[in-house]
Protein backbone atom coordinates (compact mmCIF):
# COMPACT_ATOMS: atom_id res chain seq x y z
CA UNK A 1 43.20 -64.26 14.29
CA UNK A 2 43.48 -60.62 13.18
CA UNK A 3 42.52 -61.67 9.66
CA UNK A 4 39.35 -63.39 10.93
CA UNK A 5 38.48 -60.27 12.95
CA UNK A 6 38.95 -58.06 9.87
CA UNK A 7 36.80 -60.39 7.76
CA UNK A 8 34.11 -60.35 10.44
CA UNK A 9 34.17 -56.53 10.65
CA UNK A 10 34.08 -56.34 6.87
CA UNK A 11 31.01 -58.64 6.71
CA UNK A 12 29.27 -56.65 9.45
CA UNK A 13 29.86 -53.44 7.48
CA UNK A 14 28.50 -55.08 4.31
CA UNK A 15 25.40 -56.32 6.17
CA UNK A 16 24.70 -52.92 7.74
CA UNK A 17 25.16 -51.22 4.36
CA UNK A 18 22.77 -53.72 2.77
CA UNK A 19 20.15 -53.15 5.51
CA UNK A 20 20.52 -49.37 5.18
CA UNK A 21 20.09 -49.61 1.39
CA UNK A 22 16.90 -51.62 1.86
CA UNK A 23 15.53 -49.16 4.44
CA UNK A 24 16.18 -46.17 2.16
CA UNK A 25 14.66 -48.05 -0.79
CA UNK A 26 11.50 -48.89 1.17
CA UNK A 27 11.23 -45.28 2.39
CA UNK A 28 11.49 -43.80 -1.10
CA UNK A 29 8.85 -46.26 -2.44
CA UNK A 30 6.48 -45.53 0.46
CA UNK A 31 6.78 -41.80 -0.20
CA UNK A 32 6.13 -42.31 -3.92
CA UNK A 33 3.01 -44.27 -2.98
CA UNK A 34 1.72 -41.54 -0.65
CA UNK A 35 2.48 -38.74 -3.12
CA UNK A 36 0.25 -40.70 -5.49
CA UNK A 37 1.30 -39.12 -8.79
CA UNK A 38 2.46 -42.30 -10.58
CA UNK A 39 -0.05 -44.54 -12.40
CA UNK A 40 -0.26 -47.95 -10.74
CA UNK A 41 1.54 -49.77 -13.56
CA UNK A 42 4.40 -47.25 -13.42
CA UNK A 43 4.58 -47.70 -9.65
CA UNK A 44 4.74 -51.49 -9.97
CA UNK A 45 7.55 -51.20 -12.53
CA UNK A 46 9.40 -48.83 -10.17
CA UNK A 47 9.05 -51.24 -7.23
CA UNK A 48 10.30 -54.20 -9.30
CA UNK A 49 13.19 -52.14 -10.70
CA UNK A 50 14.31 -50.94 -7.24
CA UNK A 51 14.11 -54.47 -5.82
CA UNK A 52 16.13 -55.95 -8.70
CA UNK A 53 18.82 -53.27 -8.37
CA UNK A 54 18.94 -53.74 -4.59
CA UNK A 55 19.26 -57.52 -4.91
CA UNK A 56 22.11 -57.18 -7.41
CA UNK A 57 23.97 -54.69 -5.21
CA UNK A 58 23.40 -56.73 -2.03
CA UNK A 59 24.65 -59.85 -3.82
CA UNK A 60 27.82 -57.96 -4.72
CA UNK A 61 28.18 -56.73 -1.13
CA UNK A 62 27.69 -60.07 0.57
CA UNK A 63 29.28 -62.32 -2.08
CA UNK A 64 32.84 -63.52 -2.15
CA UNK A 65 35.57 -61.64 -3.97
CA UNK A 66 37.22 -58.37 -3.05
CA UNK A 67 36.54 -56.64 -6.39
CA UNK A 68 32.83 -57.61 -6.25
CA UNK A 69 32.61 -56.23 -2.72
CA UNK A 70 34.25 -52.93 -3.69
CA UNK A 71 31.91 -52.54 -6.68
CA UNK A 72 28.97 -53.31 -4.36
CA UNK A 73 30.07 -50.68 -1.85
CA UNK A 74 30.50 -48.02 -4.56
CA UNK A 75 27.13 -48.81 -6.16
CA UNK A 76 25.29 -48.91 -2.83
CA UNK A 77 26.72 -45.55 -1.76
CA UNK A 78 25.76 -43.99 -5.12
CA UNK A 79 22.24 -45.46 -4.84
CA UNK A 80 21.80 -44.24 -1.28
CA UNK A 81 22.93 -40.71 -2.22
CA UNK A 82 20.53 -40.65 -5.18
CA UNK A 83 17.69 -41.96 -3.03
CA UNK A 84 18.34 -39.42 -0.26
CA UNK A 85 18.05 -36.65 -2.86
CA UNK A 86 14.88 -38.34 -4.10
CA UNK A 87 13.44 -38.45 -0.58
CA UNK A 88 14.14 -34.72 -0.21
CA UNK A 89 12.25 -34.06 -3.44
CA UNK A 90 9.38 -36.28 -2.26
CA UNK A 91 9.07 -34.63 1.16
CA UNK A 92 8.99 -31.19 -0.47
CA UNK A 93 6.34 -32.44 -2.88
CA UNK A 94 4.19 -33.82 -0.05
CA UNK A 95 4.47 -30.53 1.82
CA UNK A 96 3.61 -28.59 -1.33
CA UNK A 97 0.50 -30.71 -2.06
CA UNK A 98 -0.88 -29.96 1.40
CA UNK A 99 -1.66 -26.42 0.22
CA UNK A 100 -4.36 -27.54 -2.18
CA UNK A 101 -8.03 -27.24 -1.26
CA UNK A 102 -7.63 -25.74 2.24
CA UNK A 103 -8.38 -22.03 1.69
CA UNK A 104 -11.47 -20.96 3.63
CA UNK A 105 -10.94 -17.31 4.54
CA UNK A 106 -9.85 -13.89 3.32
CA UNK A 107 -7.88 -11.30 5.27
CA UNK A 108 -8.82 -7.61 5.37
CA UNK A 109 -7.17 -4.71 7.19
CA UNK A 110 -9.57 -1.98 8.29
CA UNK A 111 -8.10 1.38 9.28
CA UNK A 112 -9.44 4.29 11.29
CA UNK A 113 -8.41 7.55 9.58
CA UNK A 114 -8.52 11.12 10.87
CA UNK A 115 -7.42 14.43 9.42
CA UNK A 116 -3.67 14.84 9.62
CA UNK A 117 -4.08 18.18 11.43
CA UNK A 118 -6.54 16.82 14.01
CA UNK A 119 -5.78 16.32 17.71
CA UNK A 120 -6.69 12.62 17.62
CA UNK A 121 -3.64 10.42 18.20
CA UNK A 122 -5.14 7.05 19.13
CA UNK A 123 -8.47 5.25 19.02
CA UNK A 124 -9.43 6.17 22.61
CA UNK A 125 -9.34 9.85 21.61
CA UNK A 126 -12.43 9.20 19.47
CA UNK A 127 -14.57 8.21 22.47
CA UNK A 128 -18.06 9.77 22.04
CA UNK A 129 -17.12 11.16 18.60
CA UNK A 130 -18.58 10.40 15.15
CA UNK A 131 -17.08 7.78 12.80
CA UNK A 132 -18.16 7.41 9.18
CA UNK A 133 -18.21 4.06 7.39
CA UNK A 134 -19.95 2.08 4.67
CA UNK A 135 -22.96 -0.15 5.33
CA UNK A 136 -21.69 -2.86 7.70
CA UNK A 137 -24.64 -5.09 6.80
CA UNK A 138 -23.27 -5.40 3.26
CA UNK A 139 -19.60 -5.83 4.16
CA UNK A 140 -19.07 -8.67 6.65
CA UNK A 141 -15.46 -7.76 7.40
CA UNK A 142 -16.44 -4.14 8.10
CA UNK A 143 -19.08 -5.36 10.53
CA UNK A 144 -16.40 -7.30 12.45
CA UNK A 145 -14.10 -4.25 12.49
CA UNK A 146 -16.88 -2.03 13.88
CA UNK A 147 -17.57 -4.60 16.60
CA UNK A 148 -13.89 -4.48 17.61
CA UNK A 149 -13.92 -0.67 17.72
CA UNK A 150 -17.17 -0.73 19.70
CA UNK A 151 -15.48 -2.88 22.34
CA UNK A 152 -12.93 -0.10 22.98
CA UNK A 153 -14.89 3.15 22.65
CA UNK A 154 -18.40 4.59 22.41
CA UNK A 155 -19.01 6.38 19.12
CA UNK A 156 -21.77 7.57 16.82
CA UNK A 157 -21.97 5.74 13.49
CA UNK A 158 -22.56 7.65 10.27
CA UNK A 159 -23.30 5.36 7.32
CA UNK A 160 -22.32 6.79 3.91
CA UNK A 161 -22.75 5.57 0.33
CA UNK A 162 -19.18 5.16 -0.90
CA UNK A 163 -15.54 5.84 -0.09
CA UNK A 164 -15.59 9.23 -1.82
CA UNK A 165 -18.40 10.37 0.47
CA UNK A 166 -16.41 9.15 3.45
CA UNK A 167 -13.34 11.17 2.44
CA UNK A 168 -15.43 14.25 1.59
CA UNK A 169 -17.26 14.17 4.93
CA UNK A 170 -14.01 13.81 6.84
CA UNK A 171 -12.42 16.66 4.84
CA UNK A 172 -15.19 19.09 5.84
CA UNK A 173 -15.26 17.66 9.39
CA UNK A 174 -18.82 16.36 9.18
CA UNK A 175 -17.37 13.27 10.86
CA UNK A 176 -14.35 12.99 13.15
CA UNK A 177 -12.97 9.80 11.60
CA UNK A 178 -13.69 7.24 8.90
CA UNK A 179 -13.08 3.51 8.44
CA UNK A 180 -11.44 2.29 5.23
CA UNK A 181 -9.93 -1.04 4.20
CA UNK A 182 -6.34 -1.12 2.85
CA UNK A 183 -7.48 -1.83 -0.72
CA UNK A 184 -9.93 1.10 -0.60
CA UNK A 185 -7.12 3.40 0.48
CA UNK A 186 -5.05 2.16 -2.48
CA UNK A 187 -7.93 3.08 -4.80
CA UNK A 188 -8.13 6.56 -3.34
CA UNK A 189 -4.38 7.07 -3.70
CA UNK A 190 -4.78 6.66 -7.47
CA UNK A 191 -7.43 9.39 -7.59
CA UNK A 192 -5.73 12.66 -8.51
CA UNK A 193 -8.58 14.59 -6.83
CA UNK A 194 -7.96 12.93 -3.46
CA UNK A 195 -4.94 13.97 -1.40
CA UNK A 196 -4.39 11.08 1.00
CA UNK A 197 -1.52 13.03 2.61
CA UNK A 198 -4.24 15.03 4.38
CA UNK A 199 -5.26 11.96 6.39
CA UNK A 200 -3.61 9.85 9.07
CA UNK A 201 -4.21 6.28 10.28
CA UNK A 202 -4.54 5.99 14.07
CA UNK A 203 -5.71 2.38 14.39
CA UNK A 204 -5.84 -0.78 12.27
CA UNK A 205 -7.71 -4.07 12.65
CA UNK A 206 -6.91 -7.38 10.95
CA UNK A 207 -10.13 -9.18 10.08
CA UNK A 208 -10.44 -12.75 8.82
CA UNK A 209 -13.69 -13.61 7.03
CA UNK A 210 -14.78 -16.93 5.62
CA UNK A 211 -15.21 -17.01 1.84
CA UNK A 212 -18.15 -18.70 0.18
CA UNK A 213 -16.66 -19.99 -3.06
CA UNK A 214 -17.83 -23.58 -3.45
CA UNK A 215 -15.92 -25.69 -5.97
CA UNK A 216 -18.06 -27.41 -8.56
CA UNK A 217 -16.05 -30.61 -8.55
CA UNK A 218 -15.68 -32.75 -11.66
CA UNK A 219 -13.56 -35.69 -12.72
CA UNK A 220 -10.58 -33.66 -13.95
CA UNK A 221 -9.36 -36.52 -16.19
CA UNK A 222 -12.68 -37.06 -17.95
CA UNK A 223 -14.92 -34.00 -17.62
CA UNK A 224 -14.41 -30.48 -18.97
CA UNK A 225 -14.01 -27.63 -16.50
CA UNK A 226 -13.15 -23.95 -16.03
CA UNK A 227 -10.43 -22.53 -13.77
CA UNK A 228 -10.23 -18.86 -12.81
CA UNK A 229 -6.68 -17.54 -12.46
CA UNK A 230 -6.80 -14.22 -10.65
CA UNK A 231 -3.78 -12.09 -9.77
CA UNK A 232 -4.12 -9.35 -7.15
CA UNK A 233 -2.06 -6.17 -7.19
CA UNK A 234 -0.21 -6.57 -3.90
CA UNK A 235 2.86 -8.15 -2.35
CA UNK A 236 3.01 -10.26 0.81
CA UNK A 237 0.21 -12.37 2.27
CA UNK A 238 -1.86 -14.10 -0.41
CA UNK A 239 -4.94 -14.17 1.84
CA UNK A 240 -5.15 -10.35 1.76
CA UNK A 241 -7.86 -8.83 -0.41
CA UNK A 242 -6.79 -6.35 -3.07
CA UNK A 243 -7.73 -5.27 -6.57
CA UNK A 244 -7.53 -8.03 -9.16
CA UNK A 245 -4.97 -7.03 -11.77
CA UNK A 246 -5.20 -10.19 -13.87
CA UNK A 247 -8.23 -12.36 -14.58
CA UNK A 248 -8.07 -15.32 -16.90
CA UNK A 249 -10.47 -18.23 -17.47
CA UNK A 250 -8.72 -21.50 -18.32
CA UNK A 251 -11.19 -23.83 -20.06
CA UNK A 252 -9.95 -27.43 -20.15
CA UNK A 253 -11.26 -30.35 -22.20
CA UNK A 254 -9.24 -33.45 -21.15
CA UNK A 255 -10.97 -35.72 -23.70
CA UNK A 256 -9.81 -33.65 -26.66
CA UNK A 257 -6.70 -32.20 -24.93
CA UNK A 258 -7.79 -28.63 -25.60
CA UNK A 259 -7.18 -25.56 -23.46
CA UNK A 260 -8.65 -22.10 -24.05
CA UNK A 261 -7.22 -19.10 -22.18
CA UNK A 262 -9.76 -16.26 -22.02
CA UNK A 263 -8.37 -12.98 -20.66
CA UNK A 264 -10.69 -10.29 -19.32
CA UNK A 265 -9.38 -6.69 -19.08
CA UNK A 266 -9.07 -5.35 -15.52
CA UNK A 267 -11.43 -2.39 -16.13
CA UNK A 268 -14.21 -4.47 -17.71
CA UNK A 269 -17.62 -3.23 -16.54
CA UNK A 270 -19.28 -6.19 -14.83
CA UNK A 271 -22.39 -6.76 -12.71
CA UNK A 272 -21.97 -7.62 -9.02
CA UNK A 273 -25.05 -9.66 -8.18
CA UNK A 274 -24.30 -9.65 -4.44
CA UNK A 275 -24.41 -5.83 -4.40
CA UNK A 276 -26.93 -5.20 -7.18
CA UNK A 277 -24.68 -2.79 -9.07
CA UNK A 278 -21.95 -2.54 -11.73
CA UNK A 279 -18.25 -2.06 -11.09
CA UNK A 280 -14.84 -2.53 -12.64
CA UNK A 281 -13.70 -6.13 -12.65
CA UNK A 282 -10.51 -5.08 -10.83
CA UNK A 283 -12.56 -3.80 -7.88
CA UNK A 284 -14.17 -7.22 -7.33
CA UNK A 285 -10.89 -8.40 -5.83
CA UNK A 286 -11.44 -5.99 -2.94
CA UNK A 287 -14.56 -7.90 -1.96
CA UNK A 288 -12.97 -11.34 -2.33
CA UNK A 289 -12.38 -14.17 -4.79
CA UNK A 290 -16.01 -15.26 -4.37
CA UNK A 291 -17.28 -11.94 -5.81
CA UNK A 292 -14.81 -12.07 -8.73
CA UNK A 293 -15.87 -15.65 -9.51
CA UNK A 294 -19.60 -14.86 -9.47
CA UNK A 295 -19.16 -11.73 -11.64
CA UNK A 296 -17.33 -13.70 -14.35
CA UNK A 297 -19.77 -16.61 -14.18
CA UNK A 298 -22.61 -14.15 -14.83
CA UNK A 299 -20.69 -12.33 -17.58
CA UNK A 300 -19.80 -15.46 -19.56
CA UNK A 301 -22.75 -17.65 -18.54
CA UNK A 302 -20.47 -20.44 -17.30
CA UNK A 303 -19.69 -22.42 -14.18
CA UNK A 304 -16.23 -21.75 -12.78
CA UNK A 305 -15.25 -25.04 -11.18
CA UNK A 306 -11.98 -23.96 -9.57
CA UNK A 307 -9.85 -20.91 -8.89
CA UNK A 308 -6.17 -20.11 -8.35
CA UNK A 309 -5.29 -16.82 -6.67
CA UNK A 310 -1.79 -15.35 -6.90
CA UNK A 311 -0.15 -11.96 -6.30
CA UNK A 312 2.94 -9.97 -7.28
CA UNK A 313 5.17 -11.92 -4.91
CA UNK A 314 4.06 -15.22 -6.45
CA UNK A 315 5.05 -14.21 -9.97
CA UNK A 316 8.39 -12.65 -9.00
CA UNK A 317 9.45 -15.67 -6.92
CA UNK A 318 8.36 -18.27 -9.50
CA UNK A 319 10.25 -16.60 -12.33
CA UNK A 320 13.38 -16.09 -10.21
CA UNK A 321 13.40 -19.69 -8.99
CA UNK A 322 13.04 -20.88 -12.58
CA UNK A 323 16.19 -18.95 -13.42
CA UNK A 324 14.23 -16.43 -15.50
CA UNK A 325 11.96 -16.83 -18.52
CA UNK A 326 12.18 -15.96 -22.20
CA UNK A 327 9.30 -13.85 -23.52
CA UNK A 328 8.81 -13.02 -27.19
CA UNK A 329 7.46 -9.46 -27.08
CA UNK A 330 5.32 -8.11 -29.93
CA UNK A 331 6.39 -4.54 -29.16
CA UNK A 332 9.41 -2.40 -28.32
CA UNK A 333 8.53 -0.40 -25.17
CA UNK A 334 9.65 0.97 -21.82
CA UNK A 335 7.49 0.30 -18.77
CA UNK A 336 6.39 2.95 -16.32
CA UNK A 337 8.89 1.62 -13.75
CA UNK A 338 11.82 1.99 -16.17
CA UNK A 339 12.37 -1.47 -17.67
CA UNK A 340 12.97 -1.59 -21.42
CA UNK A 341 11.71 -4.49 -23.55
CA UNK A 342 12.70 -5.09 -27.17
CA UNK A 343 10.51 -6.51 -29.88
CA UNK A 344 11.42 -10.19 -30.07
CA UNK A 345 13.07 -12.35 -27.42
CA UNK A 346 13.62 -10.94 -23.91
CA UNK A 347 15.23 -12.84 -21.03
CA UNK A 348 13.43 -11.65 -17.90
CA UNK A 349 13.93 -12.05 -14.17
CA UNK A 350 11.03 -11.91 -11.71
CA UNK A 351 10.69 -8.14 -11.37
CA UNK A 352 11.10 -7.63 -15.12
CA UNK A 353 8.44 -10.27 -15.85
CA UNK A 354 6.05 -8.54 -13.44
CA UNK A 355 6.71 -5.17 -15.08
CA UNK A 356 6.19 -6.69 -18.54
CA UNK A 357 2.88 -8.25 -17.47
CA UNK A 358 1.54 -5.11 -15.77
CA UNK A 359 2.45 -2.38 -18.26
CA UNK A 360 -0.41 -0.66 -20.09
CA UNK A 361 0.51 3.05 -20.14
CA UNK A 362 3.08 2.48 -22.91
CA UNK A 363 0.40 1.28 -25.35
CA UNK A 364 -2.38 3.19 -27.05
CA UNK A 365 -4.42 -0.01 -26.78
CA UNK A 366 -3.81 -0.11 -23.01
CA UNK A 367 -5.36 -3.18 -21.40
CA UNK A 368 -5.75 -4.98 -24.72
CA UNK A 369 -1.97 -5.26 -25.07
CA UNK A 370 -1.51 -5.93 -21.38
CA UNK A 371 -3.67 -9.07 -21.43
CA UNK A 372 -1.68 -10.27 -24.46
CA UNK A 373 1.55 -9.78 -22.51
CA UNK A 374 0.12 -11.58 -19.49
CA UNK A 375 -0.63 -14.57 -21.70
CA UNK A 376 2.94 -14.43 -23.07
CA UNK A 377 4.36 -14.50 -19.53
CA UNK A 378 2.12 -17.42 -18.53
CA UNK A 379 3.11 -19.35 -21.67
CA UNK A 380 6.82 -18.68 -21.00
CA UNK A 381 6.46 -19.98 -17.43
CA UNK A 382 4.69 -23.14 -18.66
CA UNK A 383 7.42 -23.76 -21.24
CA UNK A 384 10.15 -23.34 -18.60
CA UNK A 385 8.38 -25.63 -16.13
CA UNK A 386 8.01 -28.34 -18.79
CA UNK A 387 11.69 -28.15 -19.75
CA UNK A 388 14.35 -30.56 -18.49
CA UNK A 389 15.96 -27.76 -16.47
CA UNK A 390 13.10 -27.91 -13.95
CA UNK A 391 14.88 -30.84 -12.24
CA UNK A 392 17.64 -28.59 -10.87
CA UNK A 393 15.16 -25.93 -9.74
CA UNK A 394 12.43 -28.26 -8.49
CA UNK A 395 12.89 -27.92 -4.71
CA UNK A 396 13.54 -24.18 -4.79
CA UNK A 397 10.49 -23.68 -7.01
CA UNK A 398 8.24 -25.55 -4.57
CA UNK A 399 9.69 -23.53 -1.69
CA UNK A 400 9.03 -20.32 -3.62
CA UNK A 401 5.40 -21.34 -4.14
CA UNK A 402 4.83 -22.32 -0.53
CA UNK A 403 2.14 -20.07 0.92
CA UNK A 404 2.05 -17.87 -2.19
CA UNK A 405 -1.09 -19.11 -3.90
CA UNK A 406 -4.61 -20.08 -2.90
CA UNK A 407 -6.82 -22.60 -4.65
CA UNK A 408 -9.86 -24.77 -4.06
CA UNK A 409 -8.42 -27.50 -6.30
CA UNK A 410 -7.92 -30.48 -4.00
CA UNK A 411 -4.82 -32.58 -3.45
CA UNK A 412 -6.55 -35.63 -4.96
CA UNK A 413 -7.59 -33.72 -8.08
CA UNK A 414 -4.05 -32.49 -8.68
CA UNK A 415 -2.52 -35.94 -8.23
CA UNK A 416 -5.19 -37.55 -10.43
CA UNK A 417 -4.42 -35.04 -13.17
CA UNK A 418 -0.66 -35.64 -12.92
CA UNK A 419 -1.09 -39.43 -13.02
CA UNK A 420 -3.37 -39.16 -16.03
CA UNK A 421 -0.92 -36.86 -17.87
CA UNK A 422 2.06 -39.14 -17.11
CA UNK A 423 0.12 -42.19 -18.26
CA UNK A 424 -0.90 -40.65 -21.58
CA UNK A 425 1.91 -38.13 -22.16
CA UNK A 426 -0.68 -35.97 -23.89
CA UNK A 427 0.15 -32.90 -25.96
CA UNK A 428 -2.23 -29.99 -25.59
CA UNK A 429 -3.79 -27.66 -28.14
CA UNK A 430 -3.73 -24.23 -26.43
CA UNK A 431 -5.69 -21.24 -27.80
CA UNK A 432 -5.82 -17.72 -26.37
CA UNK A 433 -8.50 -15.04 -26.71
CA UNK A 434 -9.23 -11.70 -25.02
CA UNK A 435 -12.48 -9.88 -24.41
CA UNK A 436 -12.75 -6.39 -25.85
CA UNK A 437 -14.84 -3.30 -25.26
CA UNK A 438 -15.10 0.45 -25.69
CA UNK A 439 -13.49 3.15 -23.56
CA UNK A 440 -16.00 4.93 -21.34
CA UNK A 441 -16.57 6.70 -18.04
CA UNK A 442 -19.33 5.58 -15.69
CA UNK A 443 -20.34 5.25 -12.05
CA UNK A 444 -19.23 2.15 -10.17
CA UNK A 445 -20.35 0.42 -6.99
CA UNK A 446 -17.07 1.34 -5.30
CA UNK A 447 -17.14 4.99 -6.48
CA UNK A 448 -20.85 5.84 -6.57
CA UNK A 449 -20.54 9.62 -6.79
CA UNK A 450 -17.76 9.91 -9.36
CA UNK A 451 -17.40 8.53 -12.87
CA UNK A 452 -14.33 6.39 -13.47
CA UNK A 453 -12.72 4.99 -16.58
CA UNK A 454 -14.26 1.63 -17.48
CA UNK A 455 -14.24 -0.67 -20.48
CA UNK A 456 -17.78 -1.26 -21.69
CA UNK A 457 -18.04 -4.84 -23.00
CA UNK A 458 -18.68 -5.33 -26.71
CA UNK A 459 -21.67 -7.73 -26.81
CA UNK A 460 -20.20 -9.48 -29.87
CA UNK A 461 -16.89 -10.00 -28.04
CA UNK A 462 -18.61 -11.50 -25.00
CA UNK A 463 -20.88 -13.70 -27.15
CA UNK A 464 -17.91 -14.90 -29.20
CA UNK A 465 -16.06 -15.85 -26.00
CA UNK A 466 -19.13 -17.66 -24.69
CA UNK A 467 -19.33 -19.68 -27.90
CA UNK A 468 -15.62 -20.53 -27.92
CA UNK A 469 -15.68 -21.63 -24.28
CA UNK A 470 -18.77 -23.72 -24.97
CA UNK A 471 -17.11 -25.34 -27.99
CA UNK A 472 -13.94 -26.20 -26.03
CA UNK A 473 -15.92 -27.63 -23.13
C-alpha cells in the first residue's frame, strides 16, 4: 500500500514538473515573440526546438524506469533554470525597448540671481523691484519661468541682449536681480572676466518645454539615413539642457553595409536659423536638441533622420557595466583631471574613458585630437558590446542605460534593424572623418558683446564631408 502511495506521489510530482516546464517554455516563447527581434524563420526554429526538447524531457519524466525518470528530473530542472534566466533577460529587454521614441520635452532650470552682498534673501524680497532677463519671446522656457515668478511677485522687467549684459547690469546695480538658466551660469563660470562668486541664487524654477524635433522616418533596413549622436556636458537627468560636448553624424547605408562617422568640433561656428545668428556648436545644446539638429542639417545640407542624446553619466555607466574598454591611444598624455594615458593600448574604466574623450588642453591641435579620441572610445564600446562577454553583462548594461539616453528612434525601428542584422549577419565597413577649421575669435549669439574662441569652418572641409556623406547615403 505504501509502495502504491509512493508511486502515486512520484507520478504527481513528475506531472507537475512537466506542466511547470511547459508553462515556462510557453512564457519564454511568448516573450521572444513580443520582443520581436528574431526573424520569423528563426522564431519558428526556436519554437520547434523548444517543443522537441520539452517532449523528450516529459517522455523521460512520465515514462517507466527509475533511471529515465531521474535523468528527466535533472534535465527539466536545468531547462527551467536556464529559461528563468532567459525570461529575466527578456523582461529587461522589453523594459529597455520602451525607452525608444517617447522623448517629447526638455528640462531647464531657471535661477533668480542677486548680488551676494545684497539684502535680498528670497523671491518675495524682490516685490516691486527690477529683474533683468533675455527676450522671453525667443526663449519659451524663459517665458514660462517669468510667468511663474509673476504669480508670486510684482516686478519690472528689463530685457537685455545677452547674458554678459545681464551680469554687467546686475554688477552695477542697474537691476536688482537677473534670470539665468543653469547652462548659462556654467558658461559664465568659464569666463575668467566674470566672478560668479559675487552672485547668489535665491530662487530656482524647473521648466519642462516640448521639443520640436520631428523624425524623418525611413525603412532602416532598406533606406539610407543619418543619426545625430550628441553628448551634453553634464551629469544626472538626461532631459536637462546643457552644452553639447560631442556631436557626431552617423550616416548609414544598409544596402551596402557602410557607416560613416562624421565628427564636428564643439567650437565650430554654425548658423542658428531659429535665432538668425551664429554661435558655437556647443552652445546649441543649451537651446535643445532641436536647435543642434537644425544647425547641423544647415551646415552639411542633409536631413538628420534620428538623434541619440547622452551625457557624462551615460558614458561612465556604460563603460563600467561593460567591465571597462580597451582604447588604442595615438598619443602619450595626461588629462586636465590627472589621468595619464600611454600611447598604445589603455584599459579604461568609466571615469577614465570620459576623461580620455573630453581632453583637449593636452594637445596643440585641441579639438581636432579630441574628436579623434571620441571616435576611439565609441569604437571600443562597439567592439566590447559585440564581443561574447556581453552575455554576462547584458542585464547590468541595460539597467545602466535605463533613463540615461534620449532618442526619437522608435521601438519598431530598433527591432526591425536587429532582426535584419541577425538574419543577414552583415559585416560593416566603418569610416571616420572630422571637420576642420581655423582658430578665431568672434561674437556669438550667446555672448553678443564679447568675442569668444571659435573654430571657423574650412569650406573645403565642409564640402568634402558633404560629398562623403552623400556618397555613403
